[in-house]
């Protein structure tokens, strides 16, 4: 079973930037399409970005297109989410997992955007 550990969240003003990191264990990481999810208070968890196993194909939910960039380093078993032009509505706990998702959830990392 792959273990996932997210980090990099914090408090930032609207318009600011953050880069989230996800560290994965296990050999299955390199063959998995990975994704970043977020869950705001009182809302369901949503998938905001995915990246193919080779890193050549990415997809984003409309609300983050042009502002967020997902990337991965298979050698390091890491997935990243660069978030620019942050808005208060981006406030949520952010998680990584496969695009299905298939693995146990990590603890997530809190992102808070103040107006």
Protein backbone atom coordinates (compact mmCIF):
# COMPACT_ATOMS: atom_id res chain seq x y z
CA UNK A 1 0.00 0.00 0.00
CA UNK A 2 1.33 3.42 -0.95
CA UNK A 3 1.66 6.02 1.79
CA UNK A 4 1.03 9.67 0.93
CA UNK A 5 2.31 12.69 2.84
CA UNK A 6 1.29 16.19 1.79
CA UNK A 7 3.05 19.39 2.81
CA UNK A 8 3.52 23.01 1.86
CA UNK A 9 0.23 24.55 2.86
CA UNK A 10 -0.15 27.73 4.85
CA UNK A 11 -1.81 31.10 5.19
CA UNK A 12 -1.45 33.45 2.23
CA UNK A 13 -3.11 36.65 1.07
CA UNK A 14 -5.28 36.68 -2.02
CA UNK A 15 -3.12 36.93 -5.10
CA UNK A 16 -0.28 35.05 -3.47
CA UNK A 17 1.33 31.74 -4.30
CA UNK A 18 2.05 28.41 -2.66
CA UNK A 19 3.63 25.18 -3.79
CA UNK A 20 2.31 21.95 -2.35
CA UNK A 21 4.30 18.73 -2.27
CA UNK A 22 3.20 15.12 -1.99
CA UNK A 23 5.66 12.40 -1.07
CA UNK A 24 4.71 8.83 -1.95
CA UNK A 25 6.17 5.52 -0.96
CA UNK A 26 5.94 2.29 -2.93
CA UNK A 27 6.78 1.24 -6.46
CA UNK A 28 3.24 1.72 -7.77
CA UNK A 29 3.66 5.50 -7.82
CA UNK A 30 5.44 5.63 -11.17
CA UNK A 31 2.64 3.84 -13.04
CA UNK A 32 -0.23 5.83 -11.55
CA UNK A 33 -2.04 8.87 -12.85
CA UNK A 34 -1.87 11.20 -9.88
CA UNK A 35 -4.16 13.95 -8.77
CA UNK A 36 -4.54 16.77 -6.31
CA UNK A 37 -7.85 17.05 -4.47
CA UNK A 38 -9.23 19.62 -2.09
CA UNK A 39 -11.99 19.70 0.48
CA UNK A 40 -13.40 22.96 1.77
CA UNK A 41 -15.41 23.09 5.01
CA UNK A 42 -18.87 21.68 4.50
CA UNK A 43 -18.13 20.60 0.93
CA UNK A 44 -17.28 17.36 -0.78
CA UNK A 45 -13.74 16.56 -1.78
CA UNK A 46 -13.08 17.57 -5.37
CA UNK A 47 -10.40 16.62 -7.84
CA UNK A 48 -8.68 19.78 -9.10
CA UNK A 49 -5.75 18.53 -11.16
CA UNK A 50 -4.36 15.31 -12.62
CA UNK A 51 -1.10 14.30 -14.25
CA UNK A 52 -0.37 11.22 -16.29
CA UNK A 53 2.21 8.71 -15.15
CA UNK A 54 4.81 10.09 -17.53
CA UNK A 55 3.94 13.67 -16.75
CA UNK A 56 3.07 14.55 -20.33
CA UNK A 57 -0.66 15.05 -19.87
CA UNK A 58 -2.35 17.27 -17.31
CA UNK A 59 -5.94 18.26 -16.65
CA UNK A 60 -7.50 20.89 -14.41
CA UNK A 61 -10.92 21.77 -13.13
CA UNK A 62 -12.11 25.02 -14.68
CA UNK A 63 -11.86 26.98 -11.45
CA UNK A 64 -8.07 26.56 -11.28
CA UNK A 65 -7.10 26.55 -14.96
CA UNK A 66 -4.38 29.06 -15.72
CA UNK A 67 -3.54 29.46 -12.02
CA UNK A 68 -2.47 25.98 -10.83
CA UNK A 69 0.21 23.72 -12.30
CA UNK A 70 0.64 20.07 -11.42
CA UNK A 71 3.97 18.31 -11.92
CA UNK A 72 5.71 15.15 -10.79
CA UNK A 73 9.14 13.65 -10.29
CA UNK A 74 8.92 9.87 -10.56
CA UNK A 75 12.51 9.35 -9.46
CA UNK A 76 11.74 11.13 -6.20
CA UNK A 77 8.15 9.81 -5.99
CA UNK A 78 6.87 13.35 -5.63
CA UNK A 79 3.89 15.28 -6.97
CA UNK A 80 3.69 19.05 -6.80
CA UNK A 81 0.98 21.66 -7.14
CA UNK A 82 2.11 25.18 -7.91
CA UNK A 83 -0.72 27.55 -7.03
CA UNK A 84 -0.64 31.15 -8.21
CA UNK A 85 -3.13 34.01 -8.01
CA UNK A 86 -4.77 32.36 -5.05
CA UNK A 87 -8.34 33.31 -4.16
CA UNK A 88 -10.26 32.98 -0.88
CA UNK A 89 -12.36 30.25 -2.51
CA UNK A 90 -9.19 28.13 -2.84
CA UNK A 91 -9.20 27.73 0.93
CA UNK A 92 -9.35 24.01 1.67
CA UNK A 93 -7.42 21.00 2.83
CA UNK A 94 -5.45 19.66 -0.13
CA UNK A 95 -4.71 15.98 -0.68
CA UNK A 96 -2.95 13.91 -3.31
CA UNK A 97 -3.97 10.46 -4.51
CA UNK A 98 -4.42 8.58 -7.76
CA UNK A 99 -7.11 9.90 -10.06
CA UNK A 100 -9.54 7.12 -9.01
CA UNK A 101 -8.57 7.40 -6.00
CA UNK A 102 -7.07 4.07 -4.96
CA UNK A 103 -4.80 4.62 -1.98
CA UNK A 104 -5.35 5.58 1.65
CA UNK A 105 -5.65 9.31 2.11
CA UNK A 106 -2.86 11.23 3.78
CA UNK A 107 -3.43 13.88 6.41
CA UNK A 108 -3.64 16.63 3.81
CA UNK A 109 -2.23 20.13 4.02
CA UNK A 110 -4.30 23.19 4.91
CA UNK A 111 -4.35 26.15 2.54
CA UNK A 112 -5.97 29.32 3.79
CA UNK A 113 -6.31 32.35 1.54
CA UNK A 114 -7.27 35.60 3.20
CA UNK A 115 -9.05 38.40 1.35
